[in-house]
Protein backbone atom coordinates (compact mmCIF):
# COMPACT_ATOMS: atom_id res chain seq x y z
CA UNK A 1 -31.01 84.69 164.21
CA UNK A 2 -27.83 83.84 166.07
CA UNK A 3 -28.46 80.14 165.50
CA UNK A 4 -28.87 80.69 161.74
CA UNK A 5 -25.60 82.67 161.56
CA UNK A 6 -23.71 79.98 163.52
CA UNK A 7 -24.99 77.24 161.20
CA UNK A 8 -23.89 79.15 158.12
CA UNK A 9 -20.46 79.72 159.63
CA UNK A 10 -19.92 76.01 160.37
CA UNK A 11 -21.05 75.05 156.83
CA UNK A 12 -18.55 77.42 155.28
CA UNK A 13 -15.78 76.02 157.47
CA UNK A 14 -16.34 72.40 156.41
CA UNK A 15 -16.80 73.25 152.72
CA UNK A 16 -13.42 75.06 152.59
CA UNK A 17 -11.60 71.73 153.34
CA UNK A 18 -9.82 73.06 156.38
CA UNK A 19 -8.79 70.34 158.74
CA UNK A 20 -8.97 67.56 156.10
CA UNK A 21 -6.29 64.82 156.19
CA UNK A 22 -3.81 64.00 153.35
CA UNK A 23 -5.29 61.12 151.39
CA UNK A 24 -1.93 60.19 149.84
CA UNK A 25 -2.86 61.38 146.33
CA UNK A 26 -0.94 64.66 146.44
CA UNK A 27 1.93 65.10 143.86
CA UNK A 28 5.54 65.01 145.06
CA UNK A 29 7.48 68.22 145.20
CA UNK A 30 9.86 68.50 142.24
CA UNK A 31 13.26 70.08 142.90
CA UNK A 32 16.41 70.72 140.83
CA UNK A 33 18.73 69.09 143.38
CA UNK A 34 20.66 66.08 141.97
CA UNK A 35 20.07 62.67 143.43
CA UNK A 36 22.87 61.87 145.86
CA UNK A 37 22.56 58.17 145.26
CA UNK A 38 23.04 58.54 141.49
CA UNK A 39 26.05 60.82 141.90
CA UNK A 40 27.78 58.45 144.32
CA UNK A 41 27.18 55.52 141.98
CA UNK A 42 28.79 57.32 139.05
CA UNK A 43 31.72 58.37 141.19
CA UNK A 44 32.26 54.79 142.32
CA UNK A 45 31.89 53.25 138.83
CA UNK A 46 34.47 55.51 137.10
CA UNK A 47 37.50 54.60 139.29
CA UNK A 48 36.41 50.99 139.23
CA UNK A 49 36.37 50.97 135.41
CA UNK A 50 39.82 52.61 135.29
CA UNK A 51 41.18 50.11 137.78
CA UNK A 52 39.76 47.22 135.76
CA UNK A 53 41.33 48.60 132.55
CA UNK A 54 44.74 48.95 134.19
CA UNK A 55 44.47 45.48 135.66
CA UNK A 56 43.63 44.09 132.22
CA UNK A 57 46.73 45.71 130.73
CA UNK A 58 48.93 44.31 133.49
CA UNK A 59 47.40 40.87 132.95
CA UNK A 60 48.09 41.03 129.22
CA UNK A 61 51.71 41.99 129.88
CA UNK A 62 52.10 39.18 132.43
CA UNK A 63 50.72 36.60 129.99
CA UNK A 64 53.56 37.23 127.54
CA UNK A 65 56.64 35.01 127.57
CA UNK A 66 59.46 36.35 129.72
CA UNK A 67 62.23 37.42 127.32
CA UNK A 68 64.58 38.81 129.97
CA UNK A 69 68.24 38.36 129.14
CA UNK A 70 71.37 39.86 127.65
CA UNK A 71 71.36 39.67 123.86
CA UNK A 72 74.69 40.31 122.18
CA UNK A 73 76.40 40.80 118.85
CA UNK A 74 79.97 39.50 118.99
CA UNK A 75 80.74 39.41 115.27
CA UNK A 76 82.31 35.99 115.59
CA UNK A 77 84.70 36.96 118.40
CA UNK A 78 84.66 36.60 122.17
CA UNK A 79 84.16 40.36 122.58
CA UNK A 80 80.73 41.97 122.84
CA UNK A 81 80.35 44.83 120.38
CA UNK A 82 76.64 45.51 120.76
CA UNK A 83 74.33 44.49 123.57
CA UNK A 84 70.64 44.53 124.44
CA UNK A 85 69.61 43.94 128.06
CA UNK A 86 65.98 43.24 129.03
CA UNK A 87 64.76 42.81 132.61
CA UNK A 88 61.13 41.95 133.40
CA UNK A 89 59.40 44.06 136.08
CA UNK A 90 56.50 43.15 138.36
CA UNK A 91 54.00 45.09 136.22
CA UNK A 92 54.95 43.12 133.10
CA UNK A 93 57.02 45.88 131.51
CA UNK A 94 60.78 45.71 130.91
CA UNK A 95 63.70 47.92 131.73
CA UNK A 96 65.86 47.99 128.62
CA UNK A 97 69.40 49.05 127.79
CA UNK A 98 70.74 49.24 124.24
CA UNK A 99 74.46 49.57 123.57
CA UNK A 100 75.63 49.72 119.95
CA UNK A 101 79.27 49.36 118.92
CA UNK A 102 80.31 50.21 122.49
CA UNK A 103 79.83 53.87 121.57
CA UNK A 104 76.14 54.79 121.80
CA UNK A 105 73.94 53.75 124.72
CA UNK A 106 70.26 54.15 125.57
CA UNK A 107 68.26 53.32 128.69
CA UNK A 108 64.47 53.16 128.85
CA UNK A 109 61.41 50.95 129.21
CA UNK A 110 59.78 48.45 126.87
CA UNK A 111 56.11 47.42 126.77
CA UNK A 112 54.46 44.70 124.73
CA UNK A 113 52.49 46.03 121.77
CA UNK A 114 51.28 43.00 119.88
CA UNK A 115 54.25 40.76 119.14
CA UNK A 116 56.94 43.42 119.66
CA UNK A 117 58.25 45.38 122.61
CA UNK A 118 57.90 49.15 122.13
CA UNK A 119 61.03 50.74 123.58
CA UNK A 120 60.98 54.33 124.85
CA UNK A 121 63.82 56.39 126.26
CA UNK A 122 63.35 59.86 127.70
CA UNK A 123 66.77 61.51 127.37
CA UNK A 124 67.24 61.49 124.47
CA UNK A 125 63.68 60.73 123.40
CA UNK A 126 63.87 57.65 121.19
CA UNK A 127 61.31 55.08 120.07
CA UNK A 128 62.19 51.62 118.81
CA UNK A 129 60.60 48.20 118.32
CA UNK A 130 62.30 45.16 119.84
CA UNK A 131 61.61 41.69 118.44
CA UNK A 132 62.76 38.55 120.23
CA UNK A 133 62.63 35.19 118.44
CA UNK A 134 64.36 31.98 119.39
CA UNK A 135 66.81 33.61 121.76
CA UNK A 136 67.81 36.24 119.19
CA UNK A 137 66.77 39.89 119.21
CA UNK A 138 66.43 42.73 116.72
CA UNK A 139 65.94 46.46 117.30
CA UNK A 140 64.36 48.78 114.72
CA UNK A 141 64.60 52.50 115.47
CA UNK A 142 61.44 54.50 114.84
CA UNK A 143 62.97 57.83 115.85
CA UNK A 144 66.66 58.65 116.00
CA UNK A 145 69.20 60.53 118.10
CA UNK A 146 72.95 61.05 118.14
CA UNK A 147 74.48 57.65 117.40
CA UNK A 148 71.17 56.21 116.17
CA UNK A 149 69.32 56.91 112.95
CA UNK A 150 65.63 56.54 112.13
CA UNK A 151 65.17 53.24 110.34
CA UNK A 152 68.40 51.72 111.66
CA UNK A 153 68.16 47.98 112.34
CA UNK A 154 70.52 46.24 114.77
CA UNK A 155 70.61 42.49 115.27
CA UNK A 156 71.73 40.59 118.35
CA UNK A 157 72.13 37.07 116.99
CA UNK A 158 74.13 35.59 119.84
CA UNK A 159 71.21 35.58 122.26
CA UNK A 160 71.47 35.69 126.02
CA UNK A 161 74.84 34.18 127.05
CA UNK A 162 73.27 32.01 129.74
CA UNK A 163 70.75 30.38 127.39
CA UNK A 164 73.06 27.85 125.81
CA UNK A 165 75.92 26.10 127.55
CA UNK A 166 76.98 24.74 124.19
CA UNK A 167 77.18 28.25 122.80
CA UNK A 168 79.35 29.32 125.70
CA UNK A 169 81.67 26.39 125.15
CA UNK A 170 81.95 27.35 121.49
CA UNK A 171 82.88 30.92 122.39
CA UNK A 172 85.53 29.73 124.81
CA UNK A 173 87.04 27.48 122.19
CA UNK A 174 87.29 30.30 119.68
CA UNK A 175 90.21 32.60 120.45
CA UNK A 176 90.86 35.10 117.67
CA UNK A 177 94.44 36.22 117.25
CA UNK A 178 95.65 39.73 117.94
CA UNK A 179 95.61 40.75 114.30
CA UNK A 180 92.02 39.59 113.81
CA UNK A 181 90.86 41.56 116.83
CA UNK A 182 92.35 44.79 115.53
CA UNK A 183 90.94 44.14 112.06
CA UNK A 184 87.48 43.60 113.53
CA UNK A 185 87.63 46.86 115.48
CA UNK A 186 88.61 48.80 112.39
CA UNK A 187 85.93 47.08 110.32
CA UNK A 188 83.29 48.13 112.83
CA UNK A 189 84.55 51.70 112.79
CA UNK A 190 84.42 51.77 108.99
CA UNK A 191 80.79 50.59 109.01
CA UNK A 192 79.85 53.24 111.55
CA UNK A 193 81.72 55.83 109.51
CA UNK A 194 79.44 55.13 106.55
CA UNK A 195 76.36 55.76 108.68
CA UNK A 196 77.73 59.04 109.98
CA UNK A 197 78.67 60.12 106.45
CA UNK A 198 75.03 59.62 105.43
CA UNK A 199 73.93 61.93 108.22
CA UNK A 200 76.54 64.47 107.17
CA UNK A 201 75.15 64.46 103.64
CA UNK A 202 71.64 65.01 104.97
CA UNK A 203 72.66 67.73 107.44
CA UNK A 204 71.10 71.10 106.64
CA UNK A 205 71.93 73.43 109.51
CA UNK A 206 75.41 74.28 110.70
CA UNK A 207 74.53 72.83 114.10
CA UNK A 208 73.78 69.46 112.50
CA UNK A 209 77.08 69.60 110.62
CA UNK A 210 78.95 70.39 113.82
CA UNK A 211 77.28 67.50 115.66
CA UNK A 212 77.98 64.91 112.97
CA UNK A 213 81.61 66.06 112.72
CA UNK A 214 81.96 65.64 116.49
CA UNK A 215 80.35 62.19 116.24
CA UNK A 216 82.86 61.16 113.58
CA UNK A 217 85.79 62.26 115.73
CA UNK A 218 84.35 60.42 118.74
CA UNK A 219 84.03 57.24 116.67
CA UNK A 220 87.69 57.18 115.63
CA UNK A 221 88.93 58.32 119.03
CA UNK A 222 87.08 55.42 120.67
CA UNK A 223 88.53 53.02 118.10
CA UNK A 224 92.04 54.33 118.75
CA UNK A 225 91.62 53.73 122.48
CA UNK A 226 90.44 50.15 121.87
CA UNK A 227 93.34 49.39 119.54
CA UNK A 228 95.74 50.94 122.03
CA UNK A 229 94.39 48.64 124.75
CA UNK A 230 94.95 45.62 122.52
CA UNK A 231 98.53 46.73 121.90
CA UNK A 232 99.18 47.09 125.63
CA UNK A 233 97.82 43.60 126.23
CA UNK A 234 99.99 41.98 123.57
CA UNK A 235 103.26 43.92 123.20
CA UNK A 236 106.20 43.58 125.56
CA UNK A 237 107.08 46.46 127.86
CA UNK A 238 110.09 47.60 125.82
CA UNK A 239 108.03 47.96 122.64
CA UNK A 240 105.22 49.69 124.54
CA UNK A 241 107.61 52.23 126.02
CA UNK A 242 108.80 53.20 122.55
CA UNK A 243 105.18 53.37 121.40
CA UNK A 244 104.14 55.57 124.35
CA UNK A 245 106.82 58.12 123.50
CA UNK A 246 105.69 58.15 119.89
CA UNK A 247 102.06 58.51 120.96
CA UNK A 248 102.80 61.56 123.12
CA UNK A 249 104.49 63.19 120.15
CA UNK A 250 101.53 62.36 117.93
CA UNK A 251 99.03 63.84 120.40
CA UNK A 252 100.99 67.10 120.48
CA UNK A 253 101.05 67.14 116.68
CA UNK A 254 97.32 66.46 116.43
CA UNK A 255 96.39 69.19 118.92
CA UNK A 256 98.52 71.71 117.04
CA UNK A 257 96.94 70.80 113.71
CA UNK A 258 93.42 71.07 115.12
CA UNK A 259 94.18 74.46 116.64
CA UNK A 260 95.65 75.75 113.39
CA UNK A 261 92.62 74.56 111.42
CA UNK A 262 90.26 76.27 113.84
CA UNK A 263 92.12 79.56 113.74
CA UNK A 264 91.44 79.90 110.01
CA UNK A 265 87.75 80.38 110.79
CA UNK A 266 88.00 81.48 114.40
CA UNK A 267 84.74 82.79 115.82
CA UNK A 268 82.65 81.46 112.96
CA UNK A 269 79.85 78.94 113.33
CA UNK A 270 81.82 76.52 111.15
CA UNK A 271 84.82 76.42 113.50
CA UNK A 272 83.65 73.43 115.62
CA UNK A 273 83.02 71.41 112.46
CA UNK A 274 86.43 72.21 110.97
CA UNK A 275 88.24 71.33 114.20
CA UNK A 276 86.32 68.07 114.71
CA UNK A 277 86.81 67.01 111.09
CA UNK A 278 90.56 67.66 111.31
CA UNK A 279 90.78 65.69 114.54
CA UNK A 280 88.77 62.81 113.07
CA UNK A 281 90.95 62.56 109.95
CA UNK A 282 94.18 62.58 111.95
CA UNK A 283 92.87 60.07 114.49
CA UNK A 284 91.64 57.71 111.80
CA UNK A 285 95.08 57.79 110.14
CA UNK A 286 96.66 57.08 113.52
CA UNK A 287 94.43 54.05 114.04
CA UNK A 288 95.72 52.51 110.81
CA UNK A 289 99.30 53.29 111.86
CA UNK A 290 98.82 51.58 115.22
CA UNK A 291 97.30 48.54 113.51
CA UNK A 292 100.64 47.92 111.83
CA UNK A 293 102.30 47.45 115.21
CA UNK A 294 100.60 44.09 115.61
CA UNK A 295 103.58 42.58 113.79
CA UNK A 296 105.66 43.34 116.90
CA UNK A 297 103.53 40.93 118.90
CA UNK A 298 104.54 38.07 116.60
CA UNK A 299 108.21 38.57 117.33
CA UNK A 300 109.80 35.90 119.55
């Protein structure tokens, strides 16, 4: 009886599969944990793609012709009235400076976009396209700021001064007389005045009117200072002494007139515009008066 019971017990043990070895056909355990290898690959590929893209952009910039230089607009004189300066950087971009009529200046960066350099300045924020062809440059403003208007186009036909020795020799040979220099300065101011007048007509808010009035005064005040410098360089000391006394009297007169004009609307939002407009009109008239003194320089 005991033997029969032992035999049955052993049979049940073997039939249950206990003690059997893994034959390699069992299914793998499925988990929700991400594959570390896949994650690392993705993390490595993304920076690599970004690096390749940046490198491609730098390469494209570097392949462009270097247009570094100082491009000027002299209006047929030896003086520079407007100037564009481009300097190539290691990454293929350019630092750029734009000076127009010796009054308004911008500094920023320029990057090739197709066949033009896209100029960007931060303060004030301005966008412009710069084209360079045959040593000459042109700037087209996409957005404007004080001193620059959207759509304005400025040309720099004289090119970089170090590009042509013949051009330099021509400039040296041309020496405009004193009268021509003053006439050119006034002509430039008159052209700028037209642009500012357009902005004044388009001004809507009082703030815009105040700003354009201040810009007009600044234009004629700058012109007066330039003409005054030309007088000092060409008149004898005796004539300049007489002129200095007259100028001090004129400044006192101008300040009094501006103050009186402002008092009529004192405290109002229009006051800055009235004062600036009065100052601009008086200064412009003074510029034309000073221009007449060029006849003194012709005296023996």
